[in-house]
Amino acid sequence: MEKEKLAQTFRWKITAEMRLFRERAMQMEKGDIFANAYRIDCTIRIYEILMEISAKLGKPELEGCINMGSLLDFLYESWLKEPDSQEEELEHSLCSIINSITASAGKKRGRQRKAG
């Protein structure tokens, strides 16, 4: 099968999986949806990334992914096993933002003292 046809089949497959995932999520109770928010968010992001990179994947990758059952679930479960640097990145970003808030507040207080 030619590469573009494989990419099209790949996109069809993950779109069908995403629709099924969405349908199952929409049938959950509110509390279950909240409890599965991380999985829902990650699965949506995985799907979007796969759609973006589908044209860049080679024939072997496309064929392997097409033949994989429940690809989105598999990729999510595999993602969970990866070392998580996201928490560290978030913590670093938050600390940086808080430091800039603190610095801005300090500058405002300094200007207010000089003006008063």
N, C-alpha and C. Protein backbone atom coordinates (compact mmCIF):
# COMPACT_ATOMS: atom_id res chain seq x y z
N MET A 1 0.84 -1.17 0.00
CA MET A 1 0.00 0.00 0.00
C MET A 1 0.90 1.24 0.00
N GLU A 2 0.50 2.25 -0.76
CA GLU A 2 1.30 3.46 -0.83
C GLU A 2 1.21 4.26 0.46
N LYS A 3 2.20 5.08 0.71
CA LYS A 3 2.32 5.79 1.98
C LYS A 3 1.13 6.70 2.25
N GLU A 4 0.66 7.45 1.27
CA GLU A 4 -0.47 8.36 1.50
C GLU A 4 -1.74 7.59 1.86
N LYS A 5 -1.94 6.46 1.23
CA LYS A 5 -3.10 5.62 1.55
C LYS A 5 -2.98 5.08 2.98
N LEU A 6 -1.77 4.70 3.37
CA LEU A 6 -1.53 4.25 4.75
C LEU A 6 -1.81 5.38 5.74
N ALA A 7 -1.34 6.58 5.42
CA ALA A 7 -1.56 7.72 6.31
C ALA A 7 -3.05 8.01 6.44
N GLN A 8 -3.76 7.90 5.35
CA GLN A 8 -5.21 8.13 5.36
C GLN A 8 -5.92 7.06 6.21
N THR A 9 -5.51 5.82 6.06
CA THR A 9 -6.07 4.72 6.85
C THR A 9 -5.75 4.92 8.33
N PHE A 10 -4.54 5.35 8.61
CA PHE A 10 -4.12 5.64 9.97
C PHE A 10 -5.00 6.72 10.59
N ARG A 11 -5.21 7.82 9.87
CA ARG A 11 -6.05 8.91 10.37
C ARG A 11 -7.49 8.44 10.58
N TRP A 12 -7.98 7.62 9.68
CA TRP A 12 -9.33 7.06 9.82
C TRP A 12 -9.42 6.22 11.10
N LYS A 13 -8.41 5.38 11.31
CA LYS A 13 -8.39 4.50 12.48
C LYS A 13 -8.40 5.30 13.79
N ILE A 14 -7.51 6.28 13.90
CA ILE A 14 -7.44 7.01 15.17
C ILE A 14 -8.67 7.90 15.36
N THR A 15 -9.25 8.37 14.27
CA THR A 15 -10.49 9.16 14.37
C THR A 15 -11.63 8.29 14.87
N ALA A 16 -11.71 7.06 14.36
CA ALA A 16 -12.75 6.13 14.84
C ALA A 16 -12.53 5.80 16.31
N GLU A 17 -11.28 5.58 16.71
CA GLU A 17 -10.98 5.31 18.11
C GLU A 17 -11.33 6.51 18.99
N MET A 18 -11.06 7.70 18.50
CA MET A 18 -11.35 8.91 19.27
C MET A 18 -12.86 9.08 19.44
N ARG A 19 -13.61 8.82 18.39
CA ARG A 19 -15.08 8.91 18.49
C ARG A 19 -15.62 7.94 19.53
N LEU A 20 -15.12 6.71 19.51
CA LEU A 20 -15.55 5.70 20.47
C LEU A 20 -15.17 6.12 21.89
N PHE A 21 -13.96 6.62 22.06
CA PHE A 21 -13.49 7.09 23.37
C PHE A 21 -14.41 8.20 23.87
N ARG A 22 -14.73 9.14 23.00
CA ARG A 22 -15.59 10.28 23.36
C ARG A 22 -16.98 9.79 23.75
N GLU A 23 -17.53 8.89 22.98
CA GLU A 23 -18.85 8.35 23.29
C GLU A 23 -18.87 7.70 24.67
N ARG A 24 -17.85 6.91 24.97
CA ARG A 24 -17.77 6.26 26.28
C ARG A 24 -17.64 7.30 27.39
N ALA A 25 -16.83 8.32 27.16
CA ALA A 25 -16.64 9.37 28.16
C ALA A 25 -17.95 10.13 28.40
N MET A 26 -18.68 10.40 27.35
CA MET A 26 -19.91 11.16 27.47
C MET A 26 -21.01 10.38 28.21
N GLN A 27 -20.87 9.07 28.29
CA GLN A 27 -21.85 8.25 29.00
C GLN A 27 -21.50 8.10 30.48
N MET A 28 -20.35 8.60 30.89
CA MET A 28 -19.93 8.50 32.29
C MET A 28 -20.73 9.46 33.16
N GLU A 29 -20.78 9.13 34.43
CA GLU A 29 -21.34 10.04 35.43
C GLU A 29 -20.37 11.22 35.60
N LYS A 30 -20.88 12.34 36.09
CA LYS A 30 -20.05 13.54 36.26
C LYS A 30 -18.80 13.26 37.09
N GLY A 31 -18.96 12.55 38.19
CA GLY A 31 -17.82 12.25 39.05
C GLY A 31 -16.79 11.40 38.35
N ASP A 32 -17.23 10.46 37.52
CA ASP A 32 -16.31 9.61 36.78
C ASP A 32 -15.56 10.41 35.71
N ILE A 33 -16.27 11.34 35.10
CA ILE A 33 -15.61 12.21 34.10
C ILE A 33 -14.51 13.02 34.79
N PHE A 34 -14.84 13.58 35.94
CA PHE A 34 -13.85 14.35 36.69
C PHE A 34 -12.66 13.47 37.08
N ALA A 35 -12.95 12.25 37.54
CA ALA A 35 -11.88 11.32 37.95
C ALA A 35 -11.01 10.91 36.78
N ASN A 36 -11.56 10.94 35.57
CA ASN A 36 -10.82 10.54 34.37
C ASN A 36 -10.35 11.73 33.54
N ALA A 37 -10.36 12.91 34.13
CA ALA A 37 -10.01 14.13 33.38
C ALA A 37 -8.61 14.05 32.77
N TYR A 38 -7.64 13.53 33.52
CA TYR A 38 -6.27 13.44 33.00
C TYR A 38 -6.22 12.50 31.79
N ARG A 39 -6.88 11.35 31.90
CA ARG A 39 -6.91 10.40 30.79
C ARG A 39 -7.58 11.02 29.58
N ILE A 40 -8.68 11.71 29.80
CA ILE A 40 -9.40 12.35 28.70
C ILE A 40 -8.51 13.39 28.02
N ASP A 41 -7.90 14.25 28.82
CA ASP A 41 -7.02 15.29 28.27
C ASP A 41 -5.86 14.68 27.49
N CYS A 42 -5.20 13.69 28.08
CA CYS A 42 -4.05 13.06 27.41
C CYS A 42 -4.47 12.37 26.12
N THR A 43 -5.59 11.69 26.14
CA THR A 43 -6.04 10.98 24.95
C THR A 43 -6.35 11.96 23.83
N ILE A 44 -6.97 13.07 24.15
CA ILE A 44 -7.25 14.10 23.14
C ILE A 44 -5.94 14.65 22.58
N ARG A 45 -4.99 14.94 23.47
CA ARG A 45 -3.69 15.46 23.01
C ARG A 45 -2.94 14.44 22.17
N ILE A 46 -2.98 13.17 22.56
CA ILE A 46 -2.33 12.10 21.78
C ILE A 46 -2.95 12.05 20.39
N TYR A 47 -4.27 12.07 20.33
CA TYR A 47 -4.97 12.05 19.04
C TYR A 47 -4.55 13.23 18.17
N GLU A 48 -4.55 14.43 18.74
CA GLU A 48 -4.18 15.62 17.97
C GLU A 48 -2.75 15.55 17.45
N ILE A 49 -1.85 15.08 18.29
CA ILE A 49 -0.45 14.94 17.87
C ILE A 49 -0.33 13.92 16.74
N LEU A 50 -1.02 12.81 16.88
CA LEU A 50 -0.97 11.78 15.84
C LEU A 50 -1.51 12.30 14.51
N MET A 51 -2.58 13.09 14.57
CA MET A 51 -3.12 13.67 13.34
C MET A 51 -2.08 14.58 12.68
N GLU A 52 -1.38 15.36 13.50
CA GLU A 52 -0.37 16.28 12.97
C GLU A 52 0.82 15.55 12.36
N ILE A 53 1.25 14.46 12.99
CA ILE A 53 2.47 13.79 12.52
C ILE A 53 2.19 12.66 11.53
N SER A 54 0.93 12.41 11.23
CA SER A 54 0.59 11.27 10.36
C SER A 54 1.30 11.34 9.01
N ALA A 55 1.47 12.51 8.46
CA ALA A 55 2.13 12.65 7.16
C ALA A 55 3.64 12.43 7.27
N LYS A 56 4.19 12.59 8.47
CA LYS A 56 5.63 12.46 8.66
C LYS A 56 6.06 11.02 8.97
N LEU A 57 5.10 10.19 9.39
CA LEU A 57 5.44 8.81 9.75
C LEU A 57 5.80 8.00 8.50
N GLY A 58 6.72 7.07 8.67
CA GLY A 58 7.10 6.20 7.57
C GLY A 58 6.12 5.04 7.42
N LYS A 59 6.28 4.31 6.33
CA LYS A 59 5.39 3.17 6.08
C LYS A 59 5.42 2.14 7.21
N PRO A 60 6.60 1.77 7.73
CA PRO A 60 6.61 0.77 8.81
C PRO A 60 5.87 1.24 10.06
N GLU A 61 6.03 2.53 10.42
CA GLU A 61 5.35 3.07 11.59
C GLU A 61 3.84 3.09 11.37
N LEU A 62 3.42 3.54 10.20
CA LEU A 62 1.99 3.59 9.88
C LEU A 62 1.38 2.19 9.91
N GLU A 63 2.06 1.24 9.28
CA GLU A 63 1.55 -0.13 9.26
C GLU A 63 1.46 -0.71 10.66
N GLY A 64 2.48 -0.48 11.47
CA GLY A 64 2.48 -0.98 12.84
C GLY A 64 1.34 -0.39 13.67
N CYS A 65 1.13 0.91 13.51
CA CYS A 65 0.06 1.58 14.25
C CYS A 65 -1.32 1.15 13.77
N ILE A 66 -1.46 0.97 12.48
CA ILE A 66 -2.74 0.52 11.92
C ILE A 66 -3.09 -0.86 12.44
N ASN A 67 -2.11 -1.71 12.56
CA ASN A 67 -2.34 -3.09 13.00
C ASN A 67 -2.48 -3.22 14.52
N MET A 68 -2.18 -2.16 15.26
CA MET A 68 -2.27 -2.18 16.71
C MET A 68 -3.72 -1.97 17.13
N GLY A 69 -4.24 -2.86 17.93
CA GLY A 69 -5.59 -2.67 18.46
C GLY A 69 -5.59 -1.60 19.52
N SER A 70 -6.63 -0.80 19.56
CA SER A 70 -6.78 0.27 20.57
C SER A 70 -5.50 1.09 20.71
N LEU A 71 -5.08 1.68 19.63
CA LEU A 71 -3.83 2.43 19.61
C LEU A 71 -3.82 3.58 20.61
N LEU A 72 -4.90 4.36 20.68
CA LEU A 72 -4.93 5.49 21.61
C LEU A 72 -4.80 5.03 23.06
N ASP A 73 -5.49 3.96 23.40
CA ASP A 73 -5.37 3.41 24.76
C ASP A 73 -3.96 2.90 25.02
N PHE A 74 -3.39 2.22 24.04
CA PHE A 74 -2.03 1.70 24.19
C PHE A 74 -1.03 2.83 24.40
N LEU A 75 -1.15 3.89 23.60
CA LEU A 75 -0.22 5.01 23.72
C LEU A 75 -0.40 5.74 25.05
N TYR A 76 -1.65 5.86 25.51
CA TYR A 76 -1.88 6.49 26.81
C TYR A 76 -1.24 5.66 27.92
N GLU A 77 -1.48 4.35 27.91
CA GLU A 77 -0.91 3.47 28.94
C GLU A 77 0.62 3.50 28.89
N SER A 78 1.18 3.54 27.69
CA SER A 78 2.63 3.63 27.56
C SER A 78 3.15 4.96 28.08
N TRP A 79 2.41 6.03 27.82
CA TRP A 79 2.78 7.36 28.29
C TRP A 79 2.85 7.38 29.82
N LEU A 80 1.92 6.70 30.47
CA LEU A 80 1.91 6.67 31.93
C LEU A 80 3.17 6.02 32.51
N LYS A 81 3.78 5.14 31.75
CA LYS A 81 4.98 4.44 32.22
C LYS A 81 6.25 5.25 32.02
N GLU A 82 6.16 6.32 31.25
CA GLU A 82 7.32 7.18 31.00
C GLU A 82 7.58 8.05 32.23
N PRO A 83 8.85 8.37 32.48
CA PRO A 83 9.15 9.29 33.59
C PRO A 83 8.44 10.63 33.35
N ASP A 84 7.83 11.16 34.38
CA ASP A 84 7.03 12.37 34.24
C ASP A 84 7.84 13.60 34.58
N SER A 85 8.14 14.38 33.57
CA SER A 85 8.85 15.64 33.79
C SER A 85 7.87 16.80 33.78
N GLN A 86 6.61 16.52 33.46
CA GLN A 86 5.61 17.56 33.38
C GLN A 86 5.40 18.24 34.73
N GLU A 87 5.37 17.47 35.80
CA GLU A 87 5.20 18.04 37.14
C GLU A 87 6.35 18.99 37.46
N GLU A 88 7.58 18.56 37.15
CA GLU A 88 8.74 19.41 37.41
C GLU A 88 8.68 20.69 36.59
N GLU A 89 8.28 20.55 35.31
CA GLU A 89 8.18 21.72 34.45
C GLU A 89 7.11 22.68 34.98
N LEU A 90 5.97 22.13 35.40
CA LEU A 90 4.90 22.97 35.93
C LEU A 90 5.36 23.67 37.20
N GLU A 91 6.00 22.94 38.10
CA GLU A 91 6.47 23.53 39.35
C GLU A 91 7.48 24.64 39.06
N HIS A 92 8.42 24.39 38.13
CA HIS A 92 9.42 25.39 37.77
C HIS A 92 8.74 26.64 37.20
N SER A 93 7.77 26.44 36.31
CA SER A 93 7.06 27.57 35.71
C SER A 93 6.30 28.36 36.76
N LEU A 94 5.60 27.65 37.65
CA LEU A 94 4.84 28.33 38.69
C LEU A 94 5.74 29.15 39.59
N CYS A 95 6.87 28.57 40.00
CA CYS A 95 7.82 29.30 40.85
C CYS A 95 8.35 30.54 40.14
N SER A 96 8.64 30.41 38.87
CA SER A 96 9.12 31.54 38.09
C SER A 96 8.07 32.64 38.01
N ILE A 97 6.83 32.26 37.77
CA ILE A 97 5.74 33.25 37.69
C ILE A 97 5.53 33.91 39.04
N ILE A 98 5.54 33.12 40.10
CA ILE A 98 5.37 33.68 41.45
C ILE A 98 6.50 34.64 41.78
N ASN A 99 7.73 34.30 41.39
CA ASN A 99 8.87 35.20 41.60
C ASN A 99 8.68 36.51 40.86
N SER A 100 8.16 36.45 39.63
CA SER A 100 7.95 37.69 38.88
C SER A 100 6.81 38.50 39.49
N ILE A 101 5.78 37.82 40.03
CA ILE A 101 4.71 38.53 40.73
C ILE A 101 5.28 39.24 41.95
N THR A 102 6.11 38.52 42.69
CA THR A 102 6.73 39.08 43.90
C THR A 102 7.62 40.27 43.53
N ALA A 103 8.38 40.12 42.45
CA ALA A 103 9.27 41.21 42.03
C ALA A 103 8.45 42.43 41.60
N SER A 104 7.37 42.20 40.89
CA SER A 104 6.50 43.31 40.46
C SER A 104 5.87 44.00 41.65
N ALA A 105 5.41 43.20 42.61
CA ALA A 105 4.79 43.78 43.82
C ALA A 105 5.82 44.58 44.60
N GLY A 106 7.05 44.08 44.68
CA GLY A 106 8.11 44.79 45.39
C GLY A 106 8.43 46.13 44.73
N LYS A 107 8.44 46.17 43.40
CA LYS A 107 8.71 47.41 42.68
C LYS A 107 7.59 48.42 42.92
N LYS A 108 6.33 47.93 42.92
CA LYS A 108 5.20 48.82 43.16
C LYS A 108 5.26 49.40 44.57
N ARG A 109 5.58 48.54 45.55
CA ARG A 109 5.69 49.03 46.93
C ARG A 109 6.80 50.06 47.04
N GLY A 110 7.90 49.83 46.36
CA GLY A 110 9.03 50.78 46.39
C GLY A 110 8.63 52.11 45.78
N ARG A 111 7.89 52.11 44.70
CA ARG A 111 7.44 53.36 44.07
C ARG A 111 6.43 54.07 44.96
N GLN A 112 5.57 53.30 45.63
CA GLN A 112 4.57 53.90 46.50
C GLN A 112 5.23 54.57 47.71
N ARG A 113 6.26 53.92 48.25
CA ARG A 113 6.97 54.50 49.40
C ARG A 113 7.66 55.81 49.01
N LYS A 114 8.27 55.83 47.80
CA LYS A 114 8.97 57.03 47.35
C LYS A 114 7.97 58.15 47.08
N ALA A 115 6.80 57.79 46.54
CA ALA A 115 5.78 58.80 46.22
C ALA A 115 5.10 59.32 47.49
N GLY A 116 5.02 58.47 48.54
CA GLY A 116 4.30 58.84 49.77
C GLY A 116 5.14 59.61 50.67
